[in-house]
Amino acid sequence: MKVRDYECDLQGVVNNANYQHYMEHTRHEFLESLGVNFGKMHEDGLDAFVTKVSISYKKSLRSGDHYRSALRCAMRAPKLVFYQDILHLDGSLAARGEVECVVVDNGRLTRGEFFADLLRDVPAPRRPVIPLLSPIPLRVKPHKHTMAKKIAETPMMKQYMEFKAKHP
């Protein structure tokens, strides 16, 4: 993807709100690739809503820059959580986001069955395999009172370490 001039602010960098647009576009493309049609969902009484967005900005994109948008998702019923990265072509991180979505059926919050069923039918190779963490190597031996141990025990770090072990 490429940054367009009008997406930049006076400082010459992509305005923070546009990263959310990039992430939304990626989520829609991903869901459409699985056969989701938001118009049809609505006709059937189902609507998907974003309930929470958190974005950390790391290294700004500038006009004309090309970038990649990556995601992975996980069910935390009733929510589908997207973990998203916007990456410079050299692999450096421009922004990292976490977006939570729910489905409402005729005005009532569901337990997440729509997303769970959708992901259950997705063959494993189609699921994104890009690790979204680029952890700093732990240089200290984890100890029960250190931050390093707390970081090493997080689910995201454990998932990253499993990925690293499988893909040296």
Protein backbone atom coordinates (compact mmCIF):
# COMPACT_ATOMS: atom_id res chain seq x y z
CA MET A 1 0.00 0.00 0.00
CA LYS A 2 1.13 3.59 -0.49
CA VAL A 3 0.69 6.74 1.59
CA ARG A 4 -1.18 9.49 -0.26
CA ASP A 5 -0.37 13.19 0.17
CA TYR A 6 -3.73 14.09 1.67
CA GLU A 7 -3.21 11.57 4.50
CA CYS A 8 -0.36 13.66 5.91
CA ASP A 9 -0.53 16.53 8.37
CA LEU A 10 1.45 19.78 8.50
CA GLN A 11 4.50 17.97 9.89
CA GLY A 12 4.68 15.88 6.72
CA VAL A 13 3.82 12.60 8.42
CA VAL A 14 0.70 10.44 8.24
CA ASN A 15 -1.97 11.84 10.54
CA ASN A 16 -2.63 9.46 13.44
CA ALA A 17 -6.28 8.89 12.44
CA ASN A 18 -5.23 7.46 9.09
CA TYR A 19 -3.50 4.49 10.72
CA GLN A 20 -6.92 3.46 11.99
CA HIS A 21 -8.23 3.70 8.40
CA TYR A 22 -5.36 1.50 7.18
CA MET A 23 -6.17 -1.07 9.87
CA GLU A 24 -9.89 -0.98 9.12
CA HIS A 25 -9.22 -1.54 5.41
CA THR A 26 -7.04 -4.54 6.27
CA ARG A 27 -9.71 -6.04 8.56
CA HIS A 28 -12.39 -5.61 5.89
CA GLU A 29 -10.21 -7.18 3.20
CA PHE A 30 -9.43 -10.10 5.52
CA LEU A 31 -13.09 -10.69 6.40
CA GLU A 32 -14.21 -10.30 2.78
CA SER A 33 -11.60 -12.90 1.79
CA LEU A 34 -13.49 -15.26 4.12
CA GLY A 35 -16.79 -14.49 2.40
CA VAL A 36 -18.16 -11.92 4.85
CA ASN A 37 -20.45 -9.37 3.21
CA PHE A 38 -21.39 -6.61 5.64
CA GLY A 39 -24.48 -5.62 3.61
CA LYS A 40 -25.79 -9.19 3.67
CA MET A 41 -25.01 -9.47 7.38
CA HIS A 42 -27.08 -6.35 8.05
CA GLU A 43 -29.99 -7.67 5.97
CA ASP A 44 -29.84 -10.82 8.14
CA GLY A 45 -30.01 -8.71 11.32
CA LEU A 46 -26.31 -9.08 12.15
CA ASP A 47 -24.04 -6.09 12.60
CA ALA A 48 -20.36 -6.02 13.54
CA PHE A 49 -19.19 -3.18 15.77
CA VAL A 50 -15.77 -2.06 16.90
CA THR A 51 -15.89 -1.73 20.69
CA LYS A 52 -12.28 -0.77 21.42
CA VAL A 53 -9.27 0.52 19.50
CA SER A 54 -5.78 0.96 20.87
CA ILE A 55 -2.94 2.13 18.61
CA SER A 56 0.71 2.74 19.50
CA TYR A 57 2.64 4.89 17.06
CA LYS A 58 6.31 4.02 16.57
CA LYS A 59 7.93 5.36 13.37
CA SER A 60 5.93 7.72 11.19
CA LEU A 61 5.08 7.05 7.59
CA ARG A 62 5.52 9.93 5.13
CA SER A 63 3.92 10.86 1.83
CA GLY A 64 4.84 8.39 -0.89
CA ASP A 65 6.03 5.69 1.54
CA HIS A 66 4.99 2.16 0.75
CA TYR A 67 3.96 -0.03 3.67
CA ARG A 68 2.51 -3.41 4.59
CA SER A 69 -0.45 -4.01 6.85
CA ALA A 70 -0.51 -7.29 8.75
CA LEU A 71 -3.01 -8.83 11.13
CA ARG A 72 -3.84 -11.85 13.13
CA CYS A 73 -6.95 -12.42 15.17
CA ALA A 74 -8.12 -14.39 18.15
CA MET A 75 -11.45 -15.05 19.79
CA ARG A 76 -11.99 -13.71 23.30
CA ALA A 77 -15.71 -14.40 23.35
CA PRO A 78 -17.83 -12.52 22.72
CA LYS A 79 -15.14 -10.43 21.01
CA LEU A 80 -12.97 -11.03 18.00
CA VAL A 81 -9.68 -9.28 18.68
CA PHE A 82 -7.46 -8.15 15.82
CA TYR A 83 -3.76 -7.59 16.44
CA GLN A 84 -2.52 -5.36 13.66
CA ASP A 85 0.81 -3.95 12.51
CA ILE A 86 1.58 -1.27 9.96
CA LEU A 87 5.11 -1.92 8.73
CA HIS A 88 7.59 0.02 6.65
CA LEU A 89 8.90 -2.07 3.75
CA ASP A 90 12.19 -2.49 5.63
CA GLY A 91 10.17 -4.28 8.34
CA SER A 92 10.33 -1.49 10.92
CA LEU A 93 7.15 -0.88 12.85
CA ALA A 94 5.13 2.24 12.04
CA ALA A 95 2.14 1.46 14.28
CA ARG A 96 0.71 -1.41 16.28
CA GLY A 97 -2.97 -1.75 17.06
CA GLU A 98 -5.42 -3.90 18.91
CA VAL A 99 -9.05 -3.74 17.83
CA GLU A 100 -11.94 -5.51 19.53
CA CYS A 101 -15.14 -6.29 17.60
CA VAL A 102 -18.49 -7.78 18.55
CA VAL A 103 -21.54 -8.92 16.62
CA VAL A 104 -25.04 -7.79 17.47
CA ASP A 105 -28.02 -9.90 16.33
CA ASN A 106 -31.15 -7.75 15.93
CA GLY A 107 -29.88 -5.35 18.58
CA ARG A 108 -28.68 -7.97 21.06
CA LEU A 109 -25.05 -8.73 21.80
CA THR A 110 -24.12 -12.25 20.70
CA ARG A 111 -21.65 -14.59 22.36
CA GLY A 112 -19.37 -14.37 19.34
CA GLU A 113 -20.72 -17.40 17.49
CA PHE A 114 -20.55 -15.66 14.10
CA PHE A 115 -16.81 -15.00 14.40
CA ALA A 116 -16.10 -18.36 16.02
CA ASP A 117 -17.87 -20.22 13.21
CA LEU A 118 -16.15 -18.07 10.60
CA LEU A 119 -12.68 -18.80 11.97
CA ARG A 120 -13.40 -22.47 12.64
CA ASP A 121 -13.76 -23.05 8.90
CA VAL A 122 -10.57 -21.20 7.98
CA PRO A 123 -7.78 -23.59 7.02
CA ALA A 124 -4.72 -22.93 9.17
CA PRO A 125 -2.46 -21.85 6.23
CA ARG A 126 -4.82 -18.94 5.41
CA ARG A 127 -4.51 -17.55 8.89
CA PRO A 128 -1.80 -14.90 9.07
CA VAL A 129 1.49 -16.27 10.37
CA ILE A 130 3.40 -13.02 10.71
CA PRO A 131 4.42 -12.62 14.35
CA LEU A 132 3.33 -9.21 15.45
CA LEU A 133 5.80 -9.02 18.29
CA SER A 134 9.40 -8.06 17.82
CA PRO A 135 10.47 -8.53 21.41
CA ILE A 136 13.69 -7.20 22.77
CA PRO A 137 15.79 -10.23 23.71
CA LEU A 138 15.73 -10.78 27.43
CA ARG A 139 19.27 -9.99 28.58
CA VAL A 140 18.69 -10.73 32.21
CA LYS A 141 17.94 -14.05 33.74
CA PRO A 142 14.25 -14.01 34.67
CA HIS A 143 13.75 -13.80 38.41
CA LYS A 144 10.46 -13.90 40.26
CA HIS A 145 10.71 -10.16 40.99
CA THR A 146 11.89 -8.88 37.63
CA MET A 147 9.95 -7.26 34.80
CA ALA A 148 11.67 -9.72 32.43
CA LYS A 149 9.87 -12.64 34.06
CA LYS A 150 6.54 -10.83 33.81
CA ILE A 151 7.14 -10.16 30.12
CA ALA A 152 8.26 -13.75 29.48
CA GLU A 153 5.05 -15.08 31.03
CA THR A 154 2.63 -13.04 28.90
CA PRO A 155 0.49 -15.02 26.43
CA MET A 156 1.77 -12.89 23.53
CA MET A 157 5.41 -13.63 24.40
CA LYS A 158 4.71 -17.33 24.81
CA GLN A 159 3.02 -17.38 21.40
CA TYR A 160 5.96 -15.53 19.87
CA MET A 161 8.47 -17.97 21.41
CA GLU A 162 6.45 -20.93 20.08
CA PHE A 163 6.47 -19.33 16.61
CA LYS A 164 10.26 -18.75 16.82
CA ALA A 165 10.81 -22.37 17.84
CA LYS A 166 8.82 -23.64 14.85
CA HIS A 167 10.33 -21.17 12.36
CA PRO A 168 14.04 -20.71 13.20
